[in-house]
Amino acid sequence: ARLGKGRVRIIAEAFRLQGHNFRSATAAELKEQLAAYKGFSVYL
């Protein structure tokens, strides 16, 4: 809204912090994430 939609894209983190380490997101987690960003260009 402030900058113009053409200037905004989203980096979706396809990992999850678990303790002191990182793991891949599950399919359910990733699907929920991507669904929330519908309409934007998204990079995993």
All heavy atoms as atom14 arrays in JSON, in Angstrom:
{
  "sequence": "ARLGKGRVRIIAEAFRLQGHNFRSATAAELKEQLAAYKGFSVYL",
  "atom14_mask": [
    [1, 1, 1, 1, 1, 0, 0, 0, 0, 0, 0, 0, 0, 0],
    [1, 1, 1, 1, 1, 1, 1, 1, 1, 1, 1, 0, 0, 0],
    [1, 1, 1, 1, 1, 1, 1, 1, 0, 0, 0, 0, 0, 0],
    [1, 1, 1, 1, 0, 0, 0, 0, 0, 0, 0, 0, 0, 0],
    [1, 1, 1, 1, 1, 1, 1, 1, 1, 0, 0, 0, 0, 0],
    [1, 1, 1, 1, 0, 0, 0, 0, 0, 0, 0, 0, 0, 0],
    [1, 1, 1, 1, 1, 1, 1, 1, 1, 1, 1, 0, 0, 0],
    [1, 1, 1, 1, 1, 1, 1, 0, 0, 0, 0, 0, 0, 0],
    [1, 1, 1, 1, 1, 1, 1, 1, 1, 1, 1, 0, 0, 0],
    [1, 1, 1, 1, 1, 1, 1, 1, 0, 0, 0, 0, 0, 0],
    [1, 1, 1, 1, 1, 1, 1, 1, 0, 0, 0, 0, 0, 0],
    [1, 1, 1, 1, 1, 0, 0, 0, 0, 0, 0, 0, 0, 0],
    [1, 1, 1, 1, 1, 1, 1, 1, 1, 0, 0, 0, 0, 0],
    [1, 1, 1, 1, 1, 0, 0, 0, 0, 0, 0, 0, 0, 0],
    [1, 1, 1, 1, 1, 1, 1, 1, 1, 1, 1, 0, 0, 0],
    [1, 1, 1, 1, 1, 1, 1, 1, 1, 1, 1, 0, 0, 0],
    [1, 1, 1, 1, 1, 1, 1, 1, 0, 0, 0, 0, 0, 0],
    [1, 1, 1, 1, 1, 1, 1, 1, 1, 0, 0, 0, 0, 0],
    [1, 1, 1, 1, 0, 0, 0, 0, 0, 0, 0, 0, 0, 0],
    [1, 1, 1, 1, 1, 1, 1, 1, 1, 1, 0, 0, 0, 0],
    [1, 1, 1, 1, 1, 1, 1, 1, 0, 0, 0, 0, 0, 0],
    [1, 1, 1, 1, 1, 1, 1, 1, 1, 1, 1, 0, 0, 0],
    [1, 1, 1, 1, 1, 1, 1, 1, 1, 1, 1, 0, 0, 0],
    [1, 1, 1, 1, 1, 1, 0, 0, 0, 0, 0, 0, 0, 0],
    [1, 1, 1, 1, 1, 0, 0, 0, 0, 0, 0, 0, 0, 0],
    [1, 1, 1, 1, 1, 1, 1, 0, 0, 0, 0, 0, 0, 0],
    [1, 1, 1, 1, 1, 0, 0, 0, 0, 0, 0, 0, 0, 0],
    [1, 1, 1, 1, 1, 0, 0, 0, 0, 0, 0, 0, 0, 0],
    [1, 1, 1, 1, 1, 1, 1, 1, 1, 0, 0, 0, 0, 0],
    [1, 1, 1, 1, 1, 1, 1, 1, 0, 0, 0, 0, 0, 0],
    [1, 1, 1, 1, 1, 1, 1, 1, 1, 0, 0, 0, 0, 0],
    [1, 1, 1, 1, 1, 1, 1, 1, 1, 0, 0, 0, 0, 0],
    [1, 1, 1, 1, 1, 1, 1, 1, 1, 0, 0, 0, 0, 0],
    [1, 1, 1, 1, 1, 1, 1, 1, 0, 0, 0, 0, 0, 0],
    [1, 1, 1, 1, 1, 0, 0, 0, 0, 0, 0, 0, 0, 0],
    [1, 1, 1, 1, 1, 0, 0, 0, 0, 0, 0, 0, 0, 0],
    [1, 1, 1, 1, 1, 1, 1, 1, 1, 1, 1, 1, 0, 0],
    [1, 1, 1, 1, 1, 1, 1, 1, 1, 0, 0, 0, 0, 0],
    [1, 1, 1, 1, 0, 0, 0, 0, 0, 0, 0, 0, 0, 0],
    [1, 1, 1, 1, 1, 1, 1, 1, 1, 1, 1, 0, 0, 0],
    [1, 1, 1, 1, 1, 1, 0, 0, 0, 0, 0, 0, 0, 0],
    [1, 1, 1, 1, 1, 1, 1, 0, 0, 0, 0, 0, 0, 0],
    [1, 1, 1, 1, 1, 1, 1, 1, 1, 1, 1, 1, 0, 0],
    [1, 1, 1, 1, 1, 1, 1, 1, 0, 0, 0, 0, 0, 0]
  ],
  "atom14_positions": [
    [[0.82, -1.21, 0.0], [0.0, 0.0, 0.0], [0.86, 1.26, 0.0], [0.51, 2.26, -0.62], [-0.93, -0.02, 1.21], [0.0, 0.0, 0.0], [0.0, 0.0, 0.0], [0.0, 0.0, 0.0], [0.0, 0.0, 0.0], [0.0, 0.0, 0.0], [0.0, 0.0, 0.0], [0.0, 0.0, 0.0], [0.0, 0.0, 0.0], [0.0, 0.0, 0.0]],
    [[1.98, 1.21, 0.68], [2.82, 2.4, 0.84], [3.8, 2.58, -0.32], [4.07, 3.7, -0.74], [3.62, 2.27, 2.15], [4.32, 3.53, 2.59], [3.33, 4.58, 3.06], [4.01, 5.72, 3.67], [4.56, 6.72, 2.97], [4.51, 6.72, 1.65], [5.15, 7.71, 3.59], [0.0, 0.0, 0.0], [0.0, 0.0, 0.0], [0.0, 0.0, 0.0]],
    [[4.34, 1.46, -0.84], [5.39, 1.54, -1.84], [4.94, 1.15, -3.24], [5.63, 1.44, -4.21], [6.56, 0.62, -1.45], [7.17, 0.84, -0.07], [8.24, -0.2, 0.21], [7.75, 2.24, 0.06], [0.0, 0.0, 0.0], [0.0, 0.0, 0.0], [0.0, 0.0, 0.0], [0.0, 0.0, 0.0], [0.0, 0.0, 0.0], [0.0, 0.0, 0.0]],
    [[3.8, 0.46, -3.33], [3.35, -0.07, -4.62], [3.6, -1.55, -4.69], [4.7, -2.02, -4.35], [0.0, 0.0, 0.0], [0.0, 0.0, 0.0], [0.0, 0.0, 0.0], [0.0, 0.0, 0.0], [0.0, 0.0, 0.0], [0.0, 0.0, 0.0], [0.0, 0.0, 0.0], [0.0, 0.0, 0.0], [0.0, 0.0, 0.0], [0.0, 0.0, 0.0]],
    [[2.6, -2.3, -5.11], [2.72, -3.76, -5.08], [3.84, -4.29, -5.96], [4.45, -5.3, -5.66], [1.39, -4.41, -5.47], [1.37, -5.9, -5.19], [-0.01, -6.5, -5.27], [0.02, -7.96, -4.86], [-1.32, -8.57, -4.89], [0.0, 0.0, 0.0], [0.0, 0.0, 0.0], [0.0, 0.0, 0.0], [0.0, 0.0, 0.0], [0.0, 0.0, 0.0]],
    [[4.12, -3.59, -7.05], [5.17, -4.04, -7.95], [6.55, -4.03, -7.33], [7.47, -4.68, -7.85], [0.0, 0.0, 0.0], [0.0, 0.0, 0.0], [0.0, 0.0, 0.0], [0.0, 0.0, 0.0], [0.0, 0.0, 0.0], [0.0, 0.0, 0.0], [0.0, 0.0, 0.0], [0.0, 0.0, 0.0], [0.0, 0.0, 0.0], [0.0, 0.0, 0.0]],
    [[6.69, -3.32, -6.2], [8.0, -3.22, -5.55], [8.16, -4.22, -4.41], [9.23, -4.26, -3.78], [8.2, -1.81, -4.98], [8.43, -0.75, -6.03], [8.57, 0.61, -5.37], [9.74, 0.7, -4.5], [9.97, 1.71, -3.66], [9.09, 2.7, -3.58], [11.05, 1.73, -2.91], [0.0, 0.0, 0.0], [0.0, 0.0, 0.0], [0.0, 0.0, 0.0]],
    [[7.15, -5.02, -4.13], [7.17, -5.86, -2.93], [7.06, -7.34, -3.29], [6.11, -7.75, -3.98], [6.03, -5.47, -1.96], [6.07, -6.35, -0.71], [6.13, -4.0, -1.59], [0.0, 0.0, 0.0], [0.0, 0.0, 0.0], [0.0, 0.0, 0.0], [0.0, 0.0, 0.0], [0.0, 0.0, 0.0], [0.0, 0.0, 0.0], [0.0, 0.0, 0.0]],
    [[7.99, -8.14, -2.8], [7.94, -9.59, -2.91], [8.27, -10.17, -1.53], [8.75, -9.46, -0.65], [8.9, -10.1, -3.98], [8.58, -9.53, -5.36], [9.52, -10.02, -6.44], [9.21, -9.4, -7.73], [9.89, -9.64, -8.84], [10.91, -10.51, -8.85], [9.54, -9.04, -9.98], [0.0, 0.0, 0.0], [0.0, 0.0, 0.0], [0.0, 0.0, 0.0]],
    [[8.0, -11.45, -1.35], [8.15, -12.07, -0.03], [9.16, -13.22, -0.09], [9.11, -14.05, -1.0], [6.8, -12.62, 0.48], [5.77, -11.49, 0.57], [6.97, -13.29, 1.84], [4.37, -11.97, 0.93], [0.0, 0.0, 0.0], [0.0, 0.0, 0.0], [0.0, 0.0, 0.0], [0.0, 0.0, 0.0], [0.0, 0.0, 0.0], [0.0, 0.0, 0.0]],
    [[10.06, -13.23, 0.89], [10.94, -14.39, 1.1], [10.32, -15.23, 2.21], [10.25, -14.81, 3.36], [12.36, -13.96, 1.47], [13.01, -13.21, 0.3], [13.21, -15.17, 1.86], [14.4, -12.7, 0.59], [0.0, 0.0, 0.0], [0.0, 0.0, 0.0], [0.0, 0.0, 0.0], [0.0, 0.0, 0.0], [0.0, 0.0, 0.0], [0.0, 0.0, 0.0]],
    [[9.84, -16.41, 1.85], [9.23, -17.33, 2.81], [10.29, -18.3, 3.31], [10.92, -19.0, 2.52], [8.09, -18.1, 2.14], [0.0, 0.0, 0.0], [0.0, 0.0, 0.0], [0.0, 0.0, 0.0], [0.0, 0.0, 0.0], [0.0, 0.0, 0.0], [0.0, 0.0, 0.0], [0.0, 0.0, 0.0], [0.0, 0.0, 0.0], [0.0, 0.0, 0.0]],
    [[10.48, -18.32, 4.61], [11.49, -19.19, 5.2], [10.99, -20.63, 5.21], [10.04, -20.95, 5.91], [11.82, -18.7, 6.61], [12.47, -17.32, 6.59], [12.63, -16.67, 7.95], [12.05, -17.19, 8.92], [13.34, -15.65, 8.05], [0.0, 0.0, 0.0], [0.0, 0.0, 0.0], [0.0, 0.0, 0.0], [0.0, 0.0, 0.0], [0.0, 0.0, 0.0]],
    [[11.64, -21.47, 4.41], [11.22, -22.87, 4.27], [11.91, -23.77, 5.29], [12.09, -24.96, 5.06], [11.54, -23.36, 2.85], [0.0, 0.0, 0.0], [0.0, 0.0, 0.0], [0.0, 0.0, 0.0], [0.0, 0.0, 0.0], [0.0, 0.0, 0.0], [0.0, 0.0, 0.0], [0.0, 0.0, 0.0], [0.0, 0.0, 0.0], [0.0, 0.0, 0.0]],
    [[12.26, -23.18, 6.42], [12.89, -23.93, 7.51], [12.19, -23.57, 8.81], [11.39, -22.63, 8.88], [14.39, -23.59, 7.61], [14.65, -22.13, 7.86], [14.64, -21.6, 9.15], [14.92, -21.25, 6.82], [14.87, -20.25, 9.4], [15.15, -19.9, 7.04], [15.12, -19.41, 8.34], [0.0, 0.0, 0.0], [0.0, 0.0, 0.0], [0.0, 0.0, 0.0]],
    [[12.5, -24.32, 9.85], [11.99, -24.02, 11.18], [13.11, -24.2, 12.2], [13.85, -25.19, 12.14], [10.81, -24.94, 11.54], [9.56, -24.76, 10.68], [8.95, -23.39, 10.86], [7.71, -23.24, 10.1], [7.65, -22.8, 8.85], [8.77, -22.48, 8.19], [6.48, -22.68, 8.23], [0.0, 0.0, 0.0], [0.0, 0.0, 0.0], [0.0, 0.0, 0.0]],
    [[13.2, -23.23, 13.1], [14.15, -23.32, 14.2], [13.63, -24.36, 15.19], [12.49, -24.3, 15.64], [14.3, -21.97, 14.88], [15.28, -21.89, 16.06], [16.69, -22.2, 15.6], [15.21, -20.5, 16.7], [0.0, 0.0, 0.0], [0.0, 0.0, 0.0], [0.0, 0.0, 0.0], [0.0, 0.0, 0.0], [0.0, 0.0, 0.0], [0.0, 0.0, 0.0]],
    [[14.47, -25.34, 15.5], [14.1, -26.4, 16.43], [15.25, -26.58, 17.41], [16.28, -27.15, 17.08], [13.82, -27.69, 15.67], [13.29, -28.82, 16.54], [12.77, -29.97, 15.7], [11.7, -29.88, 15.11], [13.53, -31.05, 15.63], [0.0, 0.0, 0.0], [0.0, 0.0, 0.0], [0.0, 0.0, 0.0], [0.0, 0.0, 0.0], [0.0, 0.0, 0.0]],
    [[15.06, -26.05, 18.62], [16.17, -26.05, 19.56], [17.23, -25.08, 19.07], [16.96, -23.91, 18.81], [0.0, 0.0, 0.0], [0.0, 0.0, 0.0], [0.0, 0.0, 0.0], [0.0, 0.0, 0.0], [0.0, 0.0, 0.0], [0.0, 0.0, 0.0], [0.0, 0.0, 0.0], [0.0, 0.0, 0.0], [0.0, 0.0, 0.0], [0.0, 0.0, 0.0]],
    [[18.45, -25.59, 18.92], [19.54, -24.76, 18.42], [19.85, -25.07, 16.96], [20.84, -24.58, 16.41], [20.8, -24.98, 19.27], [20.64, -24.58, 20.7], [20.5, -23.27, 21.09], [20.55, -25.32, 21.84], [20.36, -23.2, 22.42], [20.38, -24.43, 22.89], [0.0, 0.0, 0.0], [0.0, 0.0, 0.0], [0.0, 0.0, 0.0], [0.0, 0.0, 0.0]],
    [[19.01, -25.87, 16.32], [19.26, -26.28, 14.94], [18.08, -25.88, 14.05], [17.04, -25.43, 14.53], [19.48, -27.79, 14.88], [20.68, -28.23, 15.69], [21.77, -27.69, 15.53], [20.5, -29.2, 16.57], [0.0, 0.0, 0.0], [0.0, 0.0, 0.0], [0.0, 0.0, 0.0], [0.0, 0.0, 0.0], [0.0, 0.0, 0.0], [0.0, 0.0, 0.0]],
    [[18.25, -26.1, 12.78], [17.2, -25.81, 11.81], [16.81, -27.08, 11.09], [17.64, -27.94, 10.82], [17.68, -24.77, 10.78], [17.95, -23.42, 11.37], [19.24, -23.06, 11.74], [16.92, -22.52, 11.56], [19.49, -21.81, 12.29], [17.17, -21.26, 12.09], [18.46, -20.91, 12.47], [0.0, 0.0, 0.0], [0.0, 0.0, 0.0], [0.0, 0.0, 0.0]],
    [[15.53, -27.19, 10.78], [15.01, -28.31, 10.0], [14.16, -27.75, 8.85], [13.75, -26.58, 8.86], [14.14, -29.21, 10.86], [12.9, -28.52, 11.44], [11.9, -29.52, 12.0], [10.77, -28.85, 12.65], [9.7, -28.37, 12.02], [9.61, -28.46, 10.69], [8.71, -27.79, 12.7], [0.0, 0.0, 0.0], [0.0, 0.0, 0.0], [0.0, 0.0, 0.0]],
    [[13.89, -28.58, 7.88], [12.99, -28.17, 6.81], [11.58, -28.03, 7.37], [11.17, -28.75, 8.28], [12.99, -29.22, 5.7], [14.23, -29.3, 5.06], [0.0, 0.0, 0.0], [0.0, 0.0, 0.0], [0.0, 0.0, 0.0], [0.0, 0.0, 0.0], [0.0, 0.0, 0.0], [0.0, 0.0, 0.0], [0.0, 0.0, 0.0], [0.0, 0.0, 0.0]],
    [[10.82, -27.11, 6.82], [9.4, -27.03, 7.15], [8.71, -28.3, 6.68], [9.15, -28.95, 5.73], [8.77, -25.82, 6.47], [0.0, 0.0, 0.0], [0.0, 0.0, 0.0], [0.0, 0.0, 0.0], [0.0, 0.0, 0.0], [0.0, 0.0, 0.0], [0.0, 0.0, 0.0], [0.0, 0.0, 0.0], [0.0, 0.0, 0.0], [0.0, 0.0, 0.0]],
    [[7.64, -28.67, 7.36], [6.85, -29.8, 6.89], [5.98, -29.33, 5.72], [5.8, -28.13, 5.48], [5.95, -30.36, 8.0], [4.98, -29.34, 8.35], [6.77, -30.72, 9.24], [0.0, 0.0, 0.0], [0.0, 0.0, 0.0], [0.0, 0.0, 0.0], [0.0, 0.0, 0.0], [0.0, 0.0, 0.0], [0.0, 0.0, 0.0], [0.0, 0.0, 0.0]],
    [[5.4, -30.3, 5.02], [4.52, -29.96, 3.91], [3.33, -29.13, 4.4], [2.94, -28.15, 3.76], [4.04, -31.22, 3.21], [0.0, 0.0, 0.0], [0.0, 0.0, 0.0], [0.0, 0.0, 0.0], [0.0, 0.0, 0.0], [0.0, 0.0, 0.0], [0.0, 0.0, 0.0], [0.0, 0.0, 0.0], [0.0, 0.0, 0.0], [0.0, 0.0, 0.0]],
    [[2.78, -29.49, 5.55], [1.63, -28.75, 6.09], [2.03, -27.33, 6.44], [1.29, -26.38, 6.16], [1.08, -29.47, 7.31], [0.0, 0.0, 0.0], [0.0, 0.0, 0.0], [0.0, 0.0, 0.0], [0.0, 0.0, 0.0], [0.0, 0.0, 0.0], [0.0, 0.0, 0.0], [0.0, 0.0, 0.0], [0.0, 0.0, 0.0], [0.0, 0.0, 0.0]],
    [[3.19, -27.16, 7.06], [3.66, -25.81, 7.43], [3.89, -24.97, 6.18], [3.52, -23.79, 6.13], [4.95, -25.92, 8.24], [4.75, -26.49, 9.64], [6.07, -26.84, 10.32], [7.08, -27.08, 9.61], [6.07, -26.88, 11.57], [0.0, 0.0, 0.0], [0.0, 0.0, 0.0], [0.0, 0.0, 0.0], [0.0, 0.0, 0.0], [0.0, 0.0, 0.0]],
    [[4.5, -25.57, 5.18], [4.83, -24.82, 3.97], [3.58, -24.45, 3.19], [3.46, -23.32, 2.68], [5.78, -25.63, 3.1], [6.58, -24.87, 2.05], [7.36, -23.73, 2.68], [7.52, -25.82, 1.32], [0.0, 0.0, 0.0], [0.0, 0.0, 0.0], [0.0, 0.0, 0.0], [0.0, 0.0, 0.0], [0.0, 0.0, 0.0], [0.0, 0.0, 0.0]],
    [[2.62, -25.36, 3.13], [1.37, -25.07, 2.42], [0.64, -23.9, 3.09], [0.11, -23.01, 2.41], [0.47, -26.31, 2.41], [0.95, -27.42, 1.5], [0.46, -27.26, 0.08], [-0.99, -27.63, -0.05], [-1.43, -27.68, -1.45], [0.0, 0.0, 0.0], [0.0, 0.0, 0.0], [0.0, 0.0, 0.0], [0.0, 0.0, 0.0], [0.0, 0.0, 0.0]],
    [[0.6, -23.9, 4.41], [-0.06, -22.81, 5.14], [0.63, -21.48, 4.87], [-0.03, -20.45, 4.66], [-0.07, -23.12, 6.64], [-0.72, -22.03, 7.48], [-0.63, -22.32, 8.97], [0.09, -23.26, 9.36], [-1.28, -21.6, 9.75], [0.0, 0.0, 0.0], [0.0, 0.0, 0.0], [0.0, 0.0, 0.0], [0.0, 0.0, 0.0], [0.0, 0.0, 0.0]],
    [[1.94, -21.51, 4.84], [2.73, -20.31, 4.6], [2.46, -19.75, 3.2], [2.18, -18.56, 3.05], [4.21, -20.7, 4.73], [5.15, -19.63, 5.2], [6.52, -20.23, 5.51], [6.67, -21.45, 5.62], [7.51, -19.37, 5.62], [0.0, 0.0, 0.0], [0.0, 0.0, 0.0], [0.0, 0.0, 0.0], [0.0, 0.0, 0.0], [0.0, 0.0, 0.0]],
    [[2.51, -20.62, 2.21], [2.32, -20.16, 0.84], [0.9, -19.67, 0.6], [0.69, -18.7, -0.14], [2.67, -21.3, -0.13], [4.15, -21.72, -0.15], [4.35, -22.91, -1.08], [5.05, -20.57, -0.54], [0.0, 0.0, 0.0], [0.0, 0.0, 0.0], [0.0, 0.0, 0.0], [0.0, 0.0, 0.0], [0.0, 0.0, 0.0], [0.0, 0.0, 0.0]],
    [[-0.06, -20.32, 1.23], [-1.45, -19.91, 1.06], [-1.66, -18.49, 1.59], [-2.46, -17.71, 1.05], [-2.38, -20.88, 1.77], [0.0, 0.0, 0.0], [0.0, 0.0, 0.0], [0.0, 0.0, 0.0], [0.0, 0.0, 0.0], [0.0, 0.0, 0.0], [0.0, 0.0, 0.0], [0.0, 0.0, 0.0], [0.0, 0.0, 0.0], [0.0, 0.0, 0.0]],
    [[-0.94, -18.14, 2.67], [-1.1, -16.81, 3.27], [-0.6, -15.7, 2.35], [-1.02, -14.55, 2.47], [-0.35, -16.75, 4.6], [0.0, 0.0, 0.0], [0.0, 0.0, 0.0], [0.0, 0.0, 0.0], [0.0, 0.0, 0.0], [0.0, 0.0, 0.0], [0.0, 0.0, 0.0], [0.0, 0.0, 0.0], [0.0, 0.0, 0.0], [0.0, 0.0, 0.0]],
    [[0.3, -16.05, 1.42], [0.92, -15.03, 0.58], [0.35, -14.99, -0.83], [0.94, -14.41, -1.73], [2.43, -15.26, 0.52], [3.11, -15.37, 1.86], [4.22, -16.18, 2.04], [2.62, -14.68, 2.96], [4.84, -16.28, 3.28], [3.21, -14.78, 4.2], [4.33, -15.58, 4.35], [4.93, -15.7, 5.59], [0.0, 0.0, 0.0], [0.0, 0.0, 0.0]],
    [[-0.8, -15.59, -1.02], [-1.41, -15.64, -2.35], [-1.54, -14.23, -2.9], [-1.99, -13.3, -2.22], [-2.78, -16.29, -2.26], [-3.44, -16.51, -3.61], [-4.75, -17.25, -3.48], [-5.39, -17.48, -4.84], [-6.68, -18.22, -4.73], [0.0, 0.0, 0.0], [0.0, 0.0, 0.0], [0.0, 0.0, 0.0], [0.0, 0.0, 0.0], [0.0, 0.0, 0.0]],
    [[-1.14, -14.07, -4.16], [-1.19, -12.77, -4.81], [0.14, -12.06, -4.86], [0.29, -11.09, -5.61], [0.0, 0.0, 0.0], [0.0, 0.0, 0.0], [0.0, 0.0, 0.0], [0.0, 0.0, 0.0], [0.0, 0.0, 0.0], [0.0, 0.0, 0.0], [0.0, 0.0, 0.0], [0.0, 0.0, 0.0], [0.0, 0.0, 0.0], [0.0, 0.0, 0.0]],
    [[1.12, -12.53, -4.06], [2.46, -11.95, -4.07], [3.44, -12.92, -4.73], [3.25, -14.13, -4.68], [2.95, -11.66, -2.64], [2.39, -10.41, -2.03], [1.24, -10.47, -1.27], [3.01, -9.19, -2.23], [0.7, -9.32, -0.71], [2.49, -8.03, -1.66], [1.33, -8.1, -0.91], [0.0, 0.0, 0.0], [0.0, 0.0, 0.0], [0.0, 0.0, 0.0]],
    [[4.49, -12.37, -5.32], [5.6, -13.21, -5.76], [6.36, -13.68, -4.52], [6.7, -12.86, -3.66], [6.53, -12.42, -6.68], [5.89, -12.09, -7.89], [0.0, 0.0, 0.0], [0.0, 0.0, 0.0], [0.0, 0.0, 0.0], [0.0, 0.0, 0.0], [0.0, 0.0, 0.0], [0.0, 0.0, 0.0], [0.0, 0.0, 0.0], [0.0, 0.0, 0.0]],
    [[6.63, -14.98, -4.45], [7.22, -15.58, -3.25], [8.47, -16.36, -3.63], [8.49, -17.06, -4.64], [6.22, -16.52, -2.54], [6.84, -17.15, -1.3], [4.95, -15.76, -2.17], [0.0, 0.0, 0.0], [0.0, 0.0, 0.0], [0.0, 0.0, 0.0], [0.0, 0.0, 0.0], [0.0, 0.0, 0.0], [0.0, 0.0, 0.0], [0.0, 0.0, 0.0]],
    [[9.5, -16.23, -2.8], [10.73, -16.98, -2.97], [10.94, -17.82, -1.71], [10.85, -17.29, -0.59], [11.93, -16.05, -3.15], [11.81, -15.15, -4.36], [11.05, -13.99, -4.31], [12.43, -15.49, -5.56], [10.92, -13.17, -5.42], [12.3, -14.68, -6.67], [11.55, -13.52, -6.6], [11.4, -12.73, -7.7], [0.0, 0.0, 0.0], [0.0, 0.0, 0.0]],
    [[11.23, -19.11, -1.88], [11.48, -19.98, -0.73], [12.95, -19.94, -0.36], [13.82, -20.11, -1.21], [11.08, -21.42, -1.05], [9.59, -21.71, -1.21], [9.39, -23.2, -1.51], [8.83, -21.32, 0.04], [0.0, 0.0, 0.0], [0.0, 0.0, 0.0], [0.0, 0.0, 0.0], [0.0, 0.0, 0.0], [0.0, 0.0, 0.0], [0.0, 0.0, 0.0]]
  ]
}
